[in-house]
Amino acid sequence: MDLEKFIHNNLIYSKCSDEVKKEIDKELDNIKELKKENKVLLKRIAELEDQRWSQ
């Protein structure tokens, strides 16, 4: 189960106000963006490592 589903299915989340839920969802969106950026950076690091070793 991914983090978003886990949080949305959580009893505590269901008892939060709409304002708090919006904040939580905003942070979950930030996490998704960071994961995407991390994947791009890791790919770039791998490319640079390949270049270094092929020289």
C-alpha atoms as a PDB file:
ATOM      1  CA  MET A   1       0.000   0.000   0.000  1.00  0.00           C
ATOM      2  CA  ASP A   2       1.399   3.385  -0.903  1.00  0.00           C
ATOM      3  CA  LEU A   3       1.681   6.235   1.570  1.00  0.00           C
ATOM      4  CA  GLU A   4      -1.254   8.217   0.199  1.00  0.00           C
ATOM      5  CA  LYS A   5      -3.658   5.269   0.409  1.00  0.00           C
ATOM      6  CA  PHE A   6      -2.382   4.414   3.873  1.00  0.00           C
ATOM      7  CA  ILE A   7      -2.996   7.950   5.133  1.00  0.00           C
ATOM      8  CA  HIS A   8      -6.377   8.346   3.445  1.00  0.00           C
ATOM      9  CA  ASN A   9      -7.564   5.022   4.883  1.00  0.00           C
ATOM     10  CA  ASN A  10      -6.331   5.944   8.345  1.00  0.00           C
ATOM     11  CA  LEU A  11      -8.948   6.501  11.045  1.00  0.00           C
ATOM     12  CA  ILE A  12      -7.127   9.592  12.328  1.00  0.00           C
ATOM     13  CA  TYR A  13      -7.200  11.188   8.856  1.00  0.00           C
ATOM     14  CA  SER A  14     -10.941  10.614   8.604  1.00  0.00           C
ATOM     15  CA  LYS A  15     -11.456  12.554  11.835  1.00  0.00           C
ATOM     16  CA  CYS A  16      -9.380  15.555  10.720  1.00  0.00           C
ATOM     17  CA  SER A  17     -10.958  18.803   9.641  1.00  0.00           C
ATOM     18  CA  ASP A  18     -11.083  19.589   5.927  1.00  0.00           C
ATOM     19  CA  GLU A  19      -8.390  22.227   6.445  1.00  0.00           C
ATOM     20  CA  VAL A  20      -6.015  19.696   7.979  1.00  0.00           C
ATOM     21  CA  LYS A  21      -6.819  17.178   5.249  1.00  0.00           C
ATOM     22  CA  LYS A  22      -5.920  19.783   2.627  1.00  0.00           C
ATOM     23  CA  GLU A  23      -2.580  20.393   4.348  1.00  0.00           C
ATOM     24  CA  ILE A  24      -1.872  16.672   4.508  1.00  0.00           C
ATOM     25  CA  ASP A  25      -2.764  16.252   0.836  1.00  0.00           C
ATOM     26  CA  LYS A  26      -0.546  19.213  -0.055  1.00  0.00           C
ATOM     27  CA  GLU A  27       2.368  17.552   1.721  1.00  0.00           C
ATOM     28  CA  LEU A  28       1.626  14.260  -0.036  1.00  0.00           C
ATOM     29  CA  ASP A  29       1.794  16.115  -3.360  1.00  0.00           C
ATOM     30  CA  ASN A  30       5.147  17.585  -2.294  1.00  0.00           C
ATOM     31  CA  ILE A  31       6.392  14.081  -1.528  1.00  0.00           C
ATOM     32  CA  LYS A  32       5.336  12.901  -5.005  1.00  0.00           C
ATOM     33  CA  GLU A  33       7.232  15.776  -6.615  1.00  0.00           C
ATOM     34  CA  LEU A  34      10.338  15.059  -4.541  1.00  0.00           C
ATOM     35  CA  LYS A  35      10.197  11.399  -5.563  1.00  0.00           C
ATOM     36  CA  LYS A  36      10.049  12.422  -9.228  1.00  0.00           C
ATOM     37  CA  GLU A  37      12.978  14.800  -8.792  1.00  0.00           C
ATOM     38  CA  ASN A  38      14.932  12.143  -6.937  1.00  0.00           C
ATOM     39  CA  LYS A  39      14.362   9.642  -9.750  1.00  0.00           C
ATOM     40  CA  VAL A  40      15.624  12.173 -12.314  1.00  0.00           C
ATOM     41  CA  LEU A  41      18.689  12.978 -10.222  1.00  0.00           C
ATOM     42  CA  LEU A  42      19.511   9.309  -9.673  1.00  0.00           C
ATOM     43  CA  LYS A  43      19.248   8.688 -13.408  1.00  0.00           C
ATOM     44  CA  ARG A  44      21.591  11.626 -14.082  1.00  0.00           C
ATOM     45  CA  ILE A  45      24.069  10.363 -11.492  1.00  0.00           C
ATOM     46  CA  ALA A  46      24.033   6.937 -13.146  1.00  0.00           C
ATOM     47  CA  GLU A  47      24.683   8.540 -16.539  1.00  0.00           C
ATOM     48  CA  LEU A  48      27.609  10.518 -15.156  1.00  0.00           C
ATOM     49  CA  GLU A  49      29.028   7.409 -13.504  1.00  0.00           C
ATOM     50  CA  ASP A  50      28.771   5.546 -16.819  1.00  0.00           C
ATOM     51  CA  GLN A  51      30.582   8.381 -18.568  1.00  0.00           C
ATOM     52  CA  ARG A  52      33.295   8.418 -15.939  1.00  0.00           C
ATOM     53  CA  TRP A  53      33.912   4.692 -16.197  1.00  0.00           C
ATOM     54  CA  SER A  54      33.880   4.672 -19.994  1.00  0.00           C
ATOM     55  CA  GLN A  55      36.732   7.201 -20.200  1.00  0.00           C
END
